[in-house]
Amino acid sequence: MAMADKVQVKVDGIDRLLTKLSMLESNISQDLEDAATKGAMVFEKGAKENVSGRGGLRVRTGHFRDSIMTKTAERTPTRVVVAVTANHPGARIHEFGGVIKAKNKPYLVFKTEDGEWHTVRSVTIPARPYLRPAFDTGKGTAKDLVASTLRASIRRVTALGRFI
């Protein structure tokens, strides 16, 4: 039995697969953004629930809650950064706590819920996190959602769902 000089393998459908894989590459940035946004929405929902009173932070209006949003912070063909932010003046101080000091006058003057007026040099605000707890409780769900969204995207583009 003579040894063959060449071995040839013919794969049917390889051109179609390569075309679909190139489609995946060209759409990956949008697919990544969609998946990351779906995951971040889990954190946004949790943070909004936390500032609505369920997580210990009580607010009088919906402005704080409504300022919490998911947005794309960076997008390149191979990298997407999606952030959950709170565009509210009290957002940072509530998340981390801190001291508010009078800047332009010697005292802070404010009225409390009991109707009393107060004059003080500073106020210490305790941390009342709303974003971090949303992340801690939602990270598993968000991870699963991102993974399933990307899997569906790959299946859609390659039409090889049974292999992925």
Protein backbone atom coordinates (compact mmCIF):
# COMPACT_ATOMS: atom_id res chain seq x y z
CA MET A 1 0.00 0.00 0.00
CA ALA A 2 1.52 3.26 -1.14
CA MET A 3 1.45 6.39 1.01
CA ALA A 4 -0.38 9.30 -0.53
CA ASP A 5 1.57 12.47 -1.18
CA LYS A 6 -1.43 14.61 -0.26
CA VAL A 7 -4.45 14.36 1.91
CA GLN A 8 -7.39 16.45 0.82
CA VAL A 9 -10.36 17.24 3.00
CA LYS A 10 -13.45 18.88 1.65
CA VAL A 11 -15.73 20.67 4.07
CA ASP A 12 -19.14 21.56 2.75
CA GLY A 13 -20.44 24.95 3.85
CA ILE A 14 -17.12 26.40 5.01
CA ASP A 15 -17.60 29.51 2.85
CA ARG A 16 -21.01 30.10 4.41
CA LEU A 17 -19.56 29.65 7.90
CA LEU A 18 -16.70 32.07 7.20
CA THR A 19 -19.18 34.64 5.87
CA LYS A 20 -21.29 34.31 8.98
CA LEU A 21 -18.27 34.58 11.24
CA SER A 22 -17.22 37.79 9.47
CA MET A 23 -20.78 39.08 10.08
CA LEU A 24 -20.31 38.28 13.75
CA GLU A 25 -17.08 40.27 13.81
CA SER A 26 -18.66 43.27 12.09
CA ASN A 27 -21.65 43.26 14.48
CA ILE A 28 -19.77 42.41 17.67
CA SER A 29 -19.61 45.99 18.97
CA GLN A 30 -23.39 46.43 18.83
CA ASP A 31 -23.97 42.95 20.21
CA LEU A 32 -21.59 43.65 23.10
CA GLU A 33 -23.33 46.94 23.82
CA ASP A 34 -26.76 45.29 23.77
CA ALA A 35 -25.61 42.53 26.12
CA ALA A 36 -23.84 44.91 28.51
CA THR A 37 -26.84 47.24 28.57
CA LYS A 38 -29.19 44.36 29.45
CA GLY A 39 -26.89 43.38 32.31
CA ALA A 40 -26.56 46.97 33.56
CA MET A 41 -30.33 47.38 33.55
CA VAL A 42 -30.44 44.79 36.36
CA PHE A 43 -28.29 47.15 38.48
CA GLU A 44 -30.33 50.20 37.46
CA LYS A 45 -33.56 48.52 38.51
CA GLY A 46 -32.08 47.47 41.85
CA ALA A 47 -30.67 50.94 42.56
CA LYS A 48 -34.03 52.54 41.77
CA GLU A 49 -35.75 50.12 44.14
CA ASN A 50 -33.19 51.00 46.83
CA VAL A 51 -33.81 54.75 46.59
CA SER A 52 -37.56 54.21 46.51
CA GLY A 53 -37.51 53.18 50.15
CA ARG A 54 -37.13 49.42 49.90
CA GLY A 55 -33.39 49.57 50.55
CA GLY A 56 -33.43 51.98 53.48
CA LEU A 57 -32.88 55.26 51.62
CA ARG A 58 -36.00 57.39 51.83
CA VAL A 59 -36.59 60.18 49.32
CA ARG A 60 -39.40 62.72 49.16
CA THR A 61 -39.60 63.06 45.40
CA GLY A 62 -38.81 60.83 42.46
CA HIS A 63 -36.02 63.09 41.15
CA PHE A 64 -33.23 61.05 42.72
CA ARG A 65 -34.70 57.75 41.51
CA ASP A 66 -35.37 59.16 38.04
CA SER A 67 -31.77 60.38 37.75
CA ILE A 68 -30.46 56.80 37.89
CA MET A 69 -29.84 55.59 34.36
CA THR A 70 -27.84 53.20 32.24
CA LYS A 71 -25.67 54.71 29.53
CA THR A 72 -22.84 53.69 27.24
CA ALA A 73 -19.65 55.34 28.49
CA GLU A 74 -17.27 53.95 25.86
CA ARG A 75 -17.66 51.99 22.64
CA THR A 76 -14.98 50.74 20.29
CA PRO A 77 -15.15 47.80 17.85
CA THR A 78 -13.87 45.43 20.57
CA ARG A 79 -14.70 47.16 23.86
CA VAL A 80 -17.90 48.45 25.40
CA VAL A 81 -18.26 50.13 28.79
CA VAL A 82 -21.79 50.60 30.08
CA ALA A 83 -22.32 52.50 33.33
CA VAL A 84 -25.18 52.96 35.76
CA THR A 85 -25.04 56.55 36.98
CA ALA A 86 -27.09 58.86 39.15
CA ASN A 87 -27.17 62.43 37.90
CA HIS A 88 -28.43 63.96 41.14
CA PRO A 89 -26.63 66.38 43.50
CA GLY A 90 -27.10 64.06 46.50
CA ALA A 91 -26.16 60.83 44.74
CA ARG A 92 -22.51 60.63 45.82
CA ILE A 93 -23.07 61.70 49.42
CA HIS A 94 -25.82 59.12 49.86
CA GLU A 95 -23.77 56.28 48.40
CA PHE A 96 -20.57 56.97 50.36
CA GLY A 97 -21.55 59.31 53.19
CA GLY A 98 -19.49 62.34 54.14
CA VAL A 99 -19.52 65.80 55.66
CA ILE A 100 -21.29 68.78 54.12
CA LYS A 101 -19.71 72.08 55.21
CA ALA A 102 -20.83 75.64 54.67
CA LYS A 103 -18.85 77.17 51.78
CA ASN A 104 -20.07 80.66 51.03
CA LYS A 105 -21.46 81.51 54.48
CA PRO A 106 -20.41 80.59 57.98
CA TYR A 107 -23.41 78.30 58.56
CA LEU A 108 -25.73 75.87 56.84
CA VAL A 109 -29.39 76.71 57.46
CA PHE A 110 -32.09 74.13 56.80
CA LYS A 111 -35.53 73.03 57.93
CA THR A 112 -36.16 69.46 59.03
CA GLU A 113 -39.34 67.43 58.57
CA ASP A 114 -40.55 68.37 62.05
CA GLY A 115 -40.67 72.03 60.97
CA GLU A 116 -37.63 73.10 63.01
CA TRP A 117 -34.94 75.36 61.51
CA HIS A 118 -31.30 74.50 62.19
CA THR A 119 -28.11 76.53 61.86
CA VAL A 120 -24.91 74.45 61.82
CA ARG A 121 -21.35 74.65 60.49
CA SER A 122 -21.47 71.12 59.03
CA VAL A 123 -23.66 68.05 58.71
CA THR A 124 -22.40 64.48 58.67
CA ILE A 125 -24.39 62.30 56.29
CA PRO A 126 -24.11 58.55 56.91
CA ALA A 127 -23.53 56.28 53.93
CA ARG A 128 -26.80 54.95 52.53
CA PRO A 129 -25.59 52.89 49.58
CA TYR A 130 -28.03 52.17 46.80
CA LEU A 131 -25.74 51.28 43.85
CA ARG A 132 -23.40 48.84 45.60
CA PRO A 133 -26.20 46.74 47.10
CA ALA A 134 -27.88 46.66 43.67
CA PHE A 135 -24.62 45.35 42.21
CA ASP A 136 -24.08 42.81 44.98
CA THR A 137 -27.57 41.33 44.71
CA GLY A 138 -27.85 41.54 40.91
CA LYS A 139 -24.43 40.49 39.64
CA GLY A 140 -25.34 36.82 39.13
CA THR A 141 -28.51 37.69 37.23
CA ALA A 142 -26.67 40.31 35.17
CA LYS A 143 -23.86 37.88 34.31
CA ASP A 144 -26.34 35.23 33.18
CA LEU A 145 -28.28 37.78 31.12
CA VAL A 146 -25.13 39.07 29.38
CA ALA A 147 -23.97 35.52 28.65
CA SER A 148 -27.32 34.38 27.28
CA THR A 149 -27.63 37.52 25.14
CA LEU A 150 -24.18 36.96 23.62
CA ARG A 151 -24.90 33.25 23.07
CA ALA A 152 -28.11 34.15 21.25
CA SER A 153 -26.21 36.66 19.12
CA ILE A 154 -23.62 34.06 18.15
CA ARG A 155 -26.32 31.50 17.37
CA ARG A 156 -28.23 34.01 15.28
CA VAL A 157 -25.20 34.94 13.22
CA THR A 158 -23.70 31.48 12.78
CA ALA A 159 -26.93 29.45 12.74
CA LEU A 160 -25.00 26.73 14.56
CA GLY A 161 -27.01 26.86 17.76
CA ARG A 162 -26.67 23.17 18.47
CA PHE A 163 -22.85 23.44 18.63
CA ILE A 164 -22.59 26.53 20.88
